[in-house]
Amino acid sequence: MLFAVRITDLPGMGATRRSVRDAHIAYLSAHAAMLVLAGPVMDGEGNSTGSVRVVEAVDRAAVEKLCAEDPFAIAGCFAKVEIDPYRIVFRDGRLAE
C-alpha cells in the first residue's frame, strides 16, 4: 500500500538537520525499498522546511515507525508528520492506472 507523508519541520532546525543529515541519509538508505520518492521541501532561500515522501508499506504503522525512527525525528526536527493513503495516477508524464 502507498502512503503520502508530509513532514513539517520546527522553525530554526537548519543547523540540527545539517548535523544529523549523514545519519538521516544512512537510515533512509537502509529503508530504500520502502521509498518510492523522498526529498526536502524548500523555502524561497533554499532552506529545508520539511519533506515529502511516498512510501510503500504493509500498513500505516510501518510508515509511522519509519518516520519516528528517522534521525531527524529523534533529533527533534519534526513539528508535524501527516500520513495518508496514496494512489499514483500519473507517473513520468503518463497515465499510470
PDB file of N, CA and C in Angstrom:
ATOM      1  N   MET A   1       0.843  -1.174   0.000  1.00  0.00           N
ATOM      2  CA  MET A   1       0.000   0.000   0.000  1.00  0.00           C
ATOM      3  C   MET A   1       0.891   1.241   0.000  1.00  0.00           C
ATOM      4  N   LEU A   2       0.487   2.252  -0.754  1.00  0.00           N
ATOM      5  CA  LEU A   2       1.247   3.505  -0.799  1.00  0.00           C
ATOM      6  C   LEU A   2       0.691   4.511   0.195  1.00  0.00           C
ATOM      7  N   PHE A   3       1.597   5.321   0.751  1.00  0.00           N
ATOM      8  CA  PHE A   3       1.238   6.390   1.672  1.00  0.00           C
ATOM      9  C   PHE A   3       1.989   7.660   1.280  1.00  0.00           C
ATOM     10  N   ALA A   4       1.277   8.795   1.311  1.00  0.00           N
ATOM     11  CA  ALA A   4       1.904  10.107   1.154  1.00  0.00           C
ATOM     12  C   ALA A   4       2.255  10.602   2.549  1.00  0.00           C
ATOM     13  N   VAL A   5       3.488  11.048   2.715  1.00  0.00           N
ATOM     14  CA  VAL A   5       3.966  11.541   4.008  1.00  0.00           C
ATOM     15  C   VAL A   5       4.421  12.977   3.823  1.00  0.00           C
ATOM     16  N   ARG A   6       3.833  13.884   4.599  1.00  0.00           N
ATOM     17  CA  ARG A   6       4.225  15.293   4.594  1.00  0.00           C
ATOM     18  C   ARG A   6       4.760  15.621   5.979  1.00  0.00           C
ATOM     19  N   ILE A   7       6.013  16.025   6.017  1.00  0.00           N
ATOM     20  CA  ILE A   7       6.670  16.339   7.286  1.00  0.00           C
ATOM     21  C   ILE A   7       6.983  17.826   7.303  1.00  0.00           C
ATOM     22  N   THR A   8       6.568  18.492   8.364  1.00  0.00           N
ATOM     23  CA  THR A   8       6.869  19.908   8.570  1.00  0.00           C
ATOM     24  C   THR A   8       7.871  20.013   9.706  1.00  0.00           C
ATOM     25  N   ASP A   9       8.962  20.728   9.451  1.00  0.00           N
ATOM     26  CA  ASP A   9       9.974  20.923  10.494  1.00  0.00           C
ATOM     27  C   ASP A   9       9.592  22.046  11.438  1.00  0.00           C
ATOM     28  N   LEU A  10      10.113  21.973  12.638  1.00  0.00           N
ATOM     29  CA  LEU A  10      10.046  23.110  13.547  1.00  0.00           C
ATOM     30  C   LEU A  10      10.908  24.226  12.968  1.00  0.00           C
ATOM     31  N   PRO A  11      10.550  25.483  13.190  1.00  0.00           N
ATOM     32  CA  PRO A  11      11.386  26.587  12.707  1.00  0.00           C
ATOM     33  C   PRO A  11      12.791  26.524  13.324  1.00  0.00           C
ATOM     34  N   GLY A  12      13.773  26.955  12.564  1.00  0.00           N
ATOM     35  CA  GLY A  12      15.136  27.077  13.081  1.00  0.00           C
ATOM     36  C   GLY A  12      15.882  25.763  13.233  1.00  0.00           C
ATOM     37  N   MET A  13      15.500  24.733  12.502  1.00  0.00           N
ATOM     38  CA  MET A  13      16.146  23.437  12.653  1.00  0.00           C
ATOM     39  C   MET A  13      17.271  23.188  11.643  1.00  0.00           C
ATOM     40  N   GLY A  14      17.651  24.203  10.886  1.00  0.00           N
ATOM     41  CA  GLY A  14      18.670  24.021   9.848  1.00  0.00           C
ATOM     42  C   GLY A  14      19.969  23.443  10.366  1.00  0.00           C
ATOM     43  N   ALA A  15      20.495  23.991  11.445  1.00  0.00           N
ATOM     44  CA  ALA A  15      21.770  23.503  11.982  1.00  0.00           C
ATOM     45  C   ALA A  15      21.633  22.072  12.490  1.00  0.00           C
ATOM     46  N   THR A  16      20.509  21.771  13.117  1.00  0.00           N
ATOM     47  CA  THR A  16      20.282  20.405  13.606  1.00  0.00           C
ATOM     48  C   THR A  16      20.202  19.438  12.441  1.00  0.00           C
ATOM     49  N   ARG A  17      19.453  19.811  11.408  1.00  0.00           N
ATOM     50  CA  ARG A  17      19.343  18.943  10.223  1.00  0.00           C
ATOM     51  C   ARG A  17      20.720  18.682   9.620  1.00  0.00           C
ATOM     52  N   ARG A  18      21.517  19.728   9.494  1.00  0.00           N
ATOM     53  CA  ARG A  18      22.846  19.554   8.903  1.00  0.00           C
ATOM     54  C   ARG A  18      23.704  18.623   9.758  1.00  0.00           C
ATOM     55  N   SER A  19      23.571  18.707  11.071  1.00  0.00           N
ATOM     56  CA  SER A  19      24.414  17.893  11.951  1.00  0.00           C
ATOM     57  C   SER A  19      24.044  16.408  11.938  1.00  0.00           C
ATOM     58  N   VAL A  20      22.805  16.084  11.613  1.00  0.00           N
ATOM     59  CA  VAL A  20      22.394  14.669  11.598  1.00  0.00           C
ATOM     60  C   VAL A  20      22.069  14.163  10.197  1.00  0.00           C
ATOM     61  N   ARG A  21      22.349  14.974   9.173  1.00  0.00           N
ATOM     62  CA  ARG A  21      21.985  14.589   7.801  1.00  0.00           C
ATOM     63  C   ARG A  21      22.614  13.268   7.381  1.00  0.00           C
ATOM     64  N   ASP A  22      23.897  13.043   7.687  1.00  0.00           N
ATOM     65  CA  ASP A  22      24.537  11.797   7.278  1.00  0.00           C
ATOM     66  C   ASP A  22      23.812  10.592   7.884  1.00  0.00           C
ATOM     67  N   ALA A  23      23.429  10.681   9.155  1.00  0.00           N
ATOM     68  CA  ALA A  23      22.699   9.591   9.808  1.00  0.00           C
ATOM     69  C   ALA A  23      21.320   9.423   9.176  1.00  0.00           C
ATOM     70  N   HIS A  24      20.671  10.535   8.839  1.00  0.00           N
ATOM     71  CA  HIS A  24      19.358  10.505   8.186  1.00  0.00           C
ATOM     72  C   HIS A  24      19.444   9.801   6.834  1.00  0.00           C
ATOM     73  N   ILE A  25      20.440  10.163   6.031  1.00  0.00           N
ATOM     74  CA  ILE A  25      20.611   9.546   4.708  1.00  0.00           C
ATOM     75  C   ILE A  25      20.932   8.059   4.861  1.00  0.00           C
ATOM     76  N   ALA A  26      21.768   7.698   5.808  1.00  0.00           N
ATOM     77  CA  ALA A  26      22.080   6.286   6.039  1.00  0.00           C
ATOM     78  C   ALA A  26      20.830   5.517   6.455  1.00  0.00           C
ATOM     79  N   TYR A  27      20.013   6.128   7.302  1.00  0.00           N
ATOM     80  CA  TYR A  27      18.769   5.493   7.751  1.00  0.00           C
ATOM     81  C   TYR A  27      17.820   5.267   6.581  1.00  0.00           C
ATOM     82  N   LEU A  28      17.595   6.312   5.780  1.00  0.00           N
ATOM     83  CA  LEU A  28      16.705   6.154   4.627  1.00  0.00           C
ATOM     84  C   LEU A  28      17.289   5.170   3.614  1.00  0.00           C
ATOM     85  N   SER A  29      18.596   5.159   3.444  1.00  0.00           N
ATOM     86  CA  SER A  29      19.223   4.198   2.530  1.00  0.00           C
ATOM     87  C   SER A  29      18.966   2.767   2.987  1.00  0.00           C
ATOM     88  N   ALA A  30      18.983   2.549   4.285  1.00  0.00           N
ATOM     89  CA  ALA A  30      18.711   1.215   4.826  1.00  0.00           C
ATOM     90  C   ALA A  30      17.258   0.796   4.610  1.00  0.00           C
ATOM     91  N   HIS A  31      16.381   1.773   4.373  1.00  0.00           N
ATOM     92  CA  HIS A  31      14.959   1.511   4.149  1.00  0.00           C
ATOM     93  C   HIS A  31      14.527   1.900   2.731  1.00  0.00           C
ATOM     94  N   ALA A  32      15.486   1.945   1.817  1.00  0.00           N
ATOM     95  CA  ALA A  32      15.225   2.428   0.459  1.00  0.00           C
ATOM     96  C   ALA A  32      14.144   1.625  -0.257  1.00  0.00           C
ATOM     97  N   ALA A  33      13.996   0.366   0.062  1.00  0.00           N
ATOM     98  CA  ALA A  33      12.984  -0.452  -0.613  1.00  0.00           C
ATOM     99  C   ALA A  33      11.571   0.056  -0.344  1.00  0.00           C
ATOM    100  N   MET A  34      11.392   0.803   0.743  1.00  0.00           N
ATOM    101  CA  MET A  34      10.073   1.359   1.079  1.00  0.00           C
ATOM    102  C   MET A  34       9.803   2.685   0.390  1.00  0.00           C
ATOM    103  N   LEU A  35      10.844   3.349  -0.102  1.00  0.00           N
ATOM    104  CA  LEU A  35      10.730   4.717  -0.594  1.00  0.00           C
ATOM    105  C   LEU A  35      10.484   4.752  -2.096  1.00  0.00           C
ATOM    106  N   VAL A  36       9.313   5.227  -2.484  1.00  0.00           N
ATOM    107  CA  VAL A  36       9.023   5.471  -3.897  1.00  0.00           C
ATOM    108  C   VAL A  36       9.707   6.772  -4.306  1.00  0.00           C
ATOM    109  N   LEU A  37       9.628   7.771  -3.437  1.00  0.00           N
ATOM    110  CA  LEU A  37      10.359   9.024  -3.597  1.00  0.00           C
ATOM    111  C   LEU A  37      10.453   9.701  -2.243  1.00  0.00           C
ATOM    112  N   ALA A  38      11.461  10.536  -2.106  1.00  0.00           N
ATOM    113  CA  ALA A  38      11.656  11.264  -0.855  1.00  0.00           C
ATOM    114  C   ALA A  38      12.572  12.452  -1.109  1.00  0.00           C
ATOM    115  N   GLY A  39      12.283  13.561  -0.445  1.00  0.00           N
ATOM    116  CA  GLY A  39      13.151  14.718  -0.573  1.00  0.00           C
ATOM    117  C   GLY A  39      12.638  15.887   0.237  1.00  0.00           C
ATOM    118  N   PRO A  40      13.477  16.903   0.400  1.00  0.00           N
ATOM    119  CA  PRO A  40      13.112  18.057   1.212  1.00  0.00           C
ATOM    120  C   PRO A  40      12.161  19.016   0.494  1.00  0.00           C
ATOM    121  N   VAL A  41      11.383  19.720   1.281  1.00  0.00           N
ATOM    122  CA  VAL A  41      10.584  20.859   0.816  1.00  0.00           C
ATOM    123  C   VAL A  41      11.403  22.092   1.175  1.00  0.00           C
ATOM    124  N   MET A  42      11.536  23.010   0.230  1.00  0.00           N
ATOM    125  CA  MET A  42      12.429  24.151   0.422  1.00  0.00           C
ATOM    126  C   MET A  42      11.661  25.465   0.494  1.00  0.00           C
ATOM    127  N   ASP A  43      12.249  26.427   1.204  1.00  0.00           N
ATOM    128  CA  ASP A  43      11.687  27.773   1.190  1.00  0.00           C
ATOM    129  C   ASP A  43      12.329  28.559   0.043  1.00  0.00           C
ATOM    130  N   GLY A  44      11.986  29.823  -0.093  1.00  0.00           N
ATOM    131  CA  GLY A  44      12.483  30.657  -1.185  1.00  0.00           C
ATOM    132  C   GLY A  44      13.979  30.860  -1.193  1.00  0.00           C
ATOM    133  N   GLU A  45      14.636  30.650  -0.051  1.00  0.00           N
ATOM    134  CA  GLU A  45      16.086  30.799   0.040  1.00  0.00           C
ATOM    135  C   GLU A  45      16.819  29.476  -0.095  1.00  0.00           C
ATOM    136  N   GLY A  46      16.073  28.393  -0.341  1.00  0.00           N
ATOM    137  CA  GLY A  46      16.703  27.084  -0.499  1.00  0.00           C
ATOM    138  C   GLY A  46      16.934  26.323   0.789  1.00  0.00           C
ATOM    139  N   ASN A  47      16.321  26.780   1.874  1.00  0.00           N
ATOM    140  CA  ASN A  47      16.442  26.085   3.156  1.00  0.00           C
ATOM    141  C   ASN A  47      15.315  25.071   3.300  1.00  0.00           C
ATOM    142  N   SER A  48      15.646  23.907   3.831  1.00  0.00           N
ATOM    143  CA  SER A  48      14.639  22.879   4.028  1.00  0.00           C
ATOM    144  C   SER A  48      13.661  23.290   5.121  1.00  0.00           C
ATOM    145  N   THR A  49      12.377  23.076   4.847  1.00  0.00           N
ATOM    146  CA  THR A  49      11.328  23.361   5.830  1.00  0.00           C
ATOM    147  C   THR A  49      10.559  22.095   6.197  1.00  0.00           C
ATOM    148  N   GLY A  50      10.981  20.976   5.644  1.00  0.00           N
ATOM    149  CA  GLY A  50      10.314  19.706   5.889  1.00  0.00           C
ATOM    150  C   GLY A  50      10.632  18.759   4.757  1.00  0.00           C
ATOM    151  N   SER A  51       9.750  17.777   4.553  1.00  0.00           N
ATOM    152  CA  SER A  51       9.982  16.835   3.473  1.00  0.00           C
ATOM    153  C   SER A  51       8.682  16.196   3.019  1.00  0.00           C
ATOM    154  N   VAL A  52       8.773  15.581   1.854  1.00  0.00           N
ATOM    155  CA  VAL A  52       7.671  14.821   1.273  1.00  0.00           C
ATOM    156  C   VAL A  52       8.228  13.452   0.909  1.00  0.00           C
ATOM    157  N   ARG A  53       7.442  12.433   1.226  1.00  0.00           N
ATOM    158  CA  ARG A  53       7.826  11.066   0.868  1.00  0.00           C
ATOM    159  C   ARG A  53       6.599  10.338   0.353  1.00  0.00           C
ATOM    160  N   VAL A  54       6.810   9.456  -0.583  1.00  0.00           N
ATOM    161  CA  VAL A  54       5.799   8.459  -0.936  1.00  0.00           C
ATOM    162  C   VAL A  54       6.414   7.132  -0.528  1.00  0.00           C
ATOM    163  N   VAL A  55       5.715   6.437   0.360  1.00  0.00           N
ATOM    164  CA  VAL A  55       6.247   5.238   0.994  1.00  0.00           C
ATOM    165  C   VAL A  55       5.357   4.052   0.667  1.00  0.00           C
ATOM    166  N   GLU A  56       5.968   2.930   0.332  1.00  0.00           N
ATOM    167  CA  GLU A  56       5.233   1.683   0.164  1.00  0.00           C
ATOM    168  C   GLU A  56       5.438   0.846   1.418  1.00  0.00           C
ATOM    169  N   ALA A  57       4.337   0.480   2.064  1.00  0.00           N
ATOM    170  CA  ALA A  57       4.411  -0.273   3.313  1.00  0.00           C
ATOM    171  C   ALA A  57       3.178  -1.149   3.473  1.00  0.00           C
ATOM    172  N   VAL A  58       3.284  -2.129   4.346  1.00  0.00           N
ATOM    173  CA  VAL A  58       2.154  -3.042   4.560  1.00  0.00           C
ATOM    174  C   VAL A  58       0.997  -2.348   5.256  1.00  0.00           C
ATOM    175  N   ASP A  59       1.314  -1.346   6.093  1.00  0.00           N
ATOM    176  CA  ASP A  59       0.258  -0.627   6.803  1.00  0.00           C
ATOM    177  C   ASP A  59       0.787   0.707   7.327  1.00  0.00           C
ATOM    178  N   ARG A  60      -0.123   1.502   7.846  1.00  0.00           N
ATOM    179  CA  ARG A  60       0.224   2.821   8.372  1.00  0.00           C
ATOM    180  C   ARG A  60       1.230   2.728   9.521  1.00  0.00           C
ATOM    181  N   ALA A  61       1.100   1.707  10.352  1.00  0.00           N
ATOM    182  CA  ALA A  61       2.008   1.545  11.491  1.00  0.00           C
ATOM    183  C   ALA A  61       3.467   1.443  11.028  1.00  0.00           C
ATOM    184  N   ALA A  62       3.707   0.784   9.920  1.00  0.00           N
ATOM    185  CA  ALA A  62       5.064   0.670   9.394  1.00  0.00           C
ATOM    186  C   ALA A  62       5.603   2.028   8.959  1.00  0.00           C
ATOM    187  N   VAL A  63       4.738   2.869   8.399  1.00  0.00           N
ATOM    188  CA  VAL A  63       5.140   4.211   7.985  1.00  0.00           C
ATOM    189  C   VAL A  63       5.395   5.085   9.223  1.00  0.00           C
ATOM    190  N   GLU A  64       4.537   4.973  10.213  1.00  0.00           N
ATOM    191  CA  GLU A  64       4.739   5.712  11.464  1.00  0.00           C
ATOM    192  C   GLU A  64       6.073   5.350  12.097  1.00  0.00           C
ATOM    193  N   LYS A  65       6.408   4.061  12.090  1.00  0.00           N
ATOM    194  CA  LYS A  65       7.689   3.599  12.647  1.00  0.00           C
ATOM    195  C   LYS A  65       8.853   4.161  11.843  1.00  0.00           C
ATOM    196  N   LEU A  66       8.742   4.105  10.506  1.00  0.00           N
ATOM    197  CA  LEU A  66       9.790   4.650   9.651  1.00  0.00           C
ATOM    198  C   LEU A  66      10.058   6.116   9.994  1.00  0.00           C
ATOM    199  N   CYS A  67       8.998   6.895  10.164  1.00  0.00           N
ATOM    200  CA  CYS A  67       9.146   8.322  10.468  1.00  0.00           C
ATOM    201  C   CYS A  67       9.678   8.547  11.884  1.00  0.00           C
ATOM    202  N   ALA A  68       9.161   7.803  12.845  1.00  0.00           N
ATOM    203  CA  ALA A  68       9.542   8.006  14.249  1.00  0.00           C
ATOM    204  C   ALA A  68      11.003   7.660  14.520  1.00  0.00           C
ATOM    205  N   GLU A  69      11.545   6.709  13.768  1.00  0.00           N
ATOM    206  CA  GLU A  69      12.921   6.281  13.994  1.00  0.00           C
ATOM    207  C   GLU A  69      13.933   6.998  13.109  1.00  0.00           C
ATOM    208  N   ASP A  70      13.466   7.929  12.293  1.00  0.00           N
ATOM    209  CA  ASP A  70      14.340   8.754  11.454  1.00  0.00           C
ATOM    210  C   ASP A  70      15.215   9.615  12.378  1.00  0.00           C
ATOM    211  N   PRO A  71      16.513   9.687  12.120  1.00  0.00           N
ATOM    212  CA  PRO A  71      17.378  10.534  12.949  1.00  0.00           C
ATOM    213  C   PRO A  71      16.913  11.988  13.052  1.00  0.00           C
ATOM    214  N   PHE A  72      16.277  12.535  12.009  1.00  0.00           N
ATOM    215  CA  PHE A  72      15.730  13.889  12.106  1.00  0.00           C
ATOM    216  C   PHE A  72      14.644  13.947  13.179  1.00  0.00           C
ATOM    217  N   ALA A  73      13.789  12.926  13.244  1.00  0.00           N
ATOM    218  CA  ALA A  73      12.741  12.893  14.268  1.00  0.00           C
ATOM    219  C   ALA A  73      13.349  12.763  15.652  1.00  0.00           C
ATOM    220  N   ILE A  74      14.319  11.889  15.798  1.00  0.00           N
ATOM    221  CA  ILE A  74      14.966  11.677  17.090  1.00  0.00           C
ATOM    222  C   ILE A  74      15.664  12.943  17.561  1.00  0.00           C
ATOM    223  N   ALA A  75      16.199  13.720  16.612  1.00  0.00           N
ATOM    224  CA  ALA A  75      16.878  14.984  16.954  1.00  0.00           C
ATOM    225  C   ALA A  75      15.895  16.114  17.236  1.00  0.00           C
ATOM    226  N   GLY A  76      14.598  15.868  17.060  1.00  0.00           N
ATOM    227  CA  GLY A  76      13.586  16.873  17.379  1.00  0.00           C
ATOM    228  C   GLY A  76      13.256  17.837  16.262  1.00  0.00           C
ATOM    229  N   CYS A  77      13.578  17.480  15.019  1.00  0.00           N
ATOM    230  CA  CYS A  77      13.335  18.387  13.890  1.00  0.00           C
ATOM    231  C   CYS A  77      11.858  18.509  13.501  1.00  0.00           C
ATOM    232  N   PHE A  78      11.076  17.448  13.691  1.00  0.00           N
ATOM    233  CA  PHE A  78       9.729  17.402  13.138  1.00  0.00           C
ATOM    234  C   PHE A  78       8.701  18.092  14.025  1.00  0.00           C
ATOM    235  N   ALA A  79       7.971  19.036  13.441  1.00  0.00           N
ATOM    236  CA  ALA A  79       6.836  19.660  14.126  1.00  0.00           C
ATOM    237  C   ALA A  79       5.573  18.851  13.892  1.00  0.00           C
ATOM    238  N   LYS A  80       5.437  18.319  12.666  1.00  0.00           N
ATOM    239  CA  LYS A  80       4.212  17.607  12.314  1.00  0.00           C
ATOM    240  C   LYS A  80       4.524  16.578  11.239  1.00  0.00           C
ATOM    241  N   VAL A  81       3.912  15.399  11.371  1.00  0.00           N
ATOM    242  CA  VAL A  81       4.013  14.344  10.366  1.00  0.00           C
ATOM    243  C   VAL A  81       2.593  13.944   9.992  1.00  0.00           C
ATOM    244  N   GLU A  82       2.275  14.077   8.705  1.00  0.00           N
ATOM    245  CA  GLU A  82       0.954  13.688   8.199  1.00  0.00           C
ATOM    246  C   GLU A  82       1.130  12.491   7.276  1.00  0.00           C
ATOM    247  N   ILE A  83       0.321  11.471   7.475  1.00  0.00           N
ATOM    248  CA  ILE A  83       0.404  10.236   6.696  1.00  0.00           C
ATOM    249  C   ILE A  83      -0.986   9.909   6.169  1.00  0.00           C
ATOM    250  N   ASP A  84      -1.087   9.757   4.852  1.00  0.00           N
ATOM    251  CA  ASP A  84      -2.371   9.434   4.228  1.00  0.00           C
ATOM    252  C   ASP A  84      -2.178   8.374   3.159  1.00  0.00           C
ATOM    253  N   PRO A  85      -3.161   7.487   2.968  1.00  0.00           N
ATOM    254  CA  PRO A  85      -3.094   6.562   1.847  1.00  0.00           C
ATOM    255  C   PRO A  85      -2.967   7.348   0.540  1.00  0.00           C
ATOM    256  N   TYR A  86      -2.286   6.772  -0.433  1.00  0.00           N
ATOM    257  CA  TYR A  86      -1.955   7.484  -1.663  1.00  0.00           C
ATOM    258  C   TYR A  86      -2.106   6.553  -2.856  1.00  0.00           C
ATOM    259  N   ARG A  87      -2.485   7.129  -3.989  1.00  0.00           N
ATOM    260  CA  ARG A  87      -2.606   6.372  -5.230  1.00  0.00           C
ATOM    261  C   ARG A  87      -1.950   7.179  -6.340  1.00  0.00           C
ATOM    262  N   ILE A  88      -1.079   6.562  -7.107  1.00  0.00           N
ATOM    263  CA  ILE A  88      -0.433   7.212  -8.243  1.00  0.00           C
ATOM    264  C   ILE A  88      -1.371   7.147  -9.438  1.00  0.00           C
ATOM    265  N   VAL A  89      -1.651   8.300 -10.034  1.00  0.00           N
ATOM    266  CA  VAL A  89      -2.476   8.369 -11.245  1.00  0.00           C
ATOM    267  C   VAL A  89      -1.594   8.628 -12.460  1.00  0.00           C
ATOM    268  N   PHE A  90      -0.646   9.559 -12.348  1.00  0.00           N
ATOM    269  CA  PHE A  90       0.313   9.841 -13.414  1.00  0.00           C
ATOM    270  C   PHE A  90       1.714   9.565 -12.901  1.00  0.00           C
ATOM    271  N   ARG A  91       2.557   8.969 -13.752  1.00  0.00           N
ATOM    272  CA  ARG A  91       3.967   8.740 -13.424  1.00  0.00           C
ATOM    273  C   ARG A  91       4.778   9.031 -14.664  1.00  0.00           C
ATOM    274  N   ASP A  92       5.787   9.868 -14.521  1.00  0.00           N
ATOM    275  CA  ASP A  92       6.669  10.211 -15.639  1.00  0.00           C
ATOM    276  C   ASP A  92       5.903  10.716 -16.851  1.00  0.00           C
ATOM    277  N   GLY A  93       4.868  11.529 -16.607  1.00  0.00           N
ATOM    278  CA  GLY A  93       4.116  12.140 -17.678  1.00  0.00           C
ATOM    279  C   GLY A  93       3.103  11.231 -18.363  1.00  0.00           C
ATOM    280  N   ARG A  94       2.908  10.051 -17.800  1.00  0.00           N
ATOM    281  CA  ARG A  94       1.981   9.095 -18.406  1.00  0.00           C
ATOM    282  C   ARG A  94       0.954   8.632 -17.386  1.00  0.00           C
ATOM    283  N   LEU A  95      -0.241   8.355 -17.866  1.00  0.00           N
ATOM    284  CA  LEU A  95      -1.280   7.787 -17.013  1.00  0.00           C
ATOM    285  C   LEU A  95      -0.800   6.447 -16.497  1.00  0.00           C
ATOM    286  N   ALA A  96      -0.869   6.244 -15.185  1.00  0.00           N
ATOM    287  CA  ALA A  96      -0.300   5.049 -14.569  1.00  0.00           C
ATOM    288  C   ALA A  96      -1.338   4.063 -14.067  1.00  0.00           C
ATOM    289  N   GLU A  97      -2.628   4.406 -14.186  1.00  0.00           N
ATOM    290  CA  GLU A  97      -3.622   3.470 -13.654  1.00  0.00           C
ATOM    291  C   GLU A  97      -4.299   2.677 -14.735  1.00  0.00           C
TER     292      GLU A  97
END
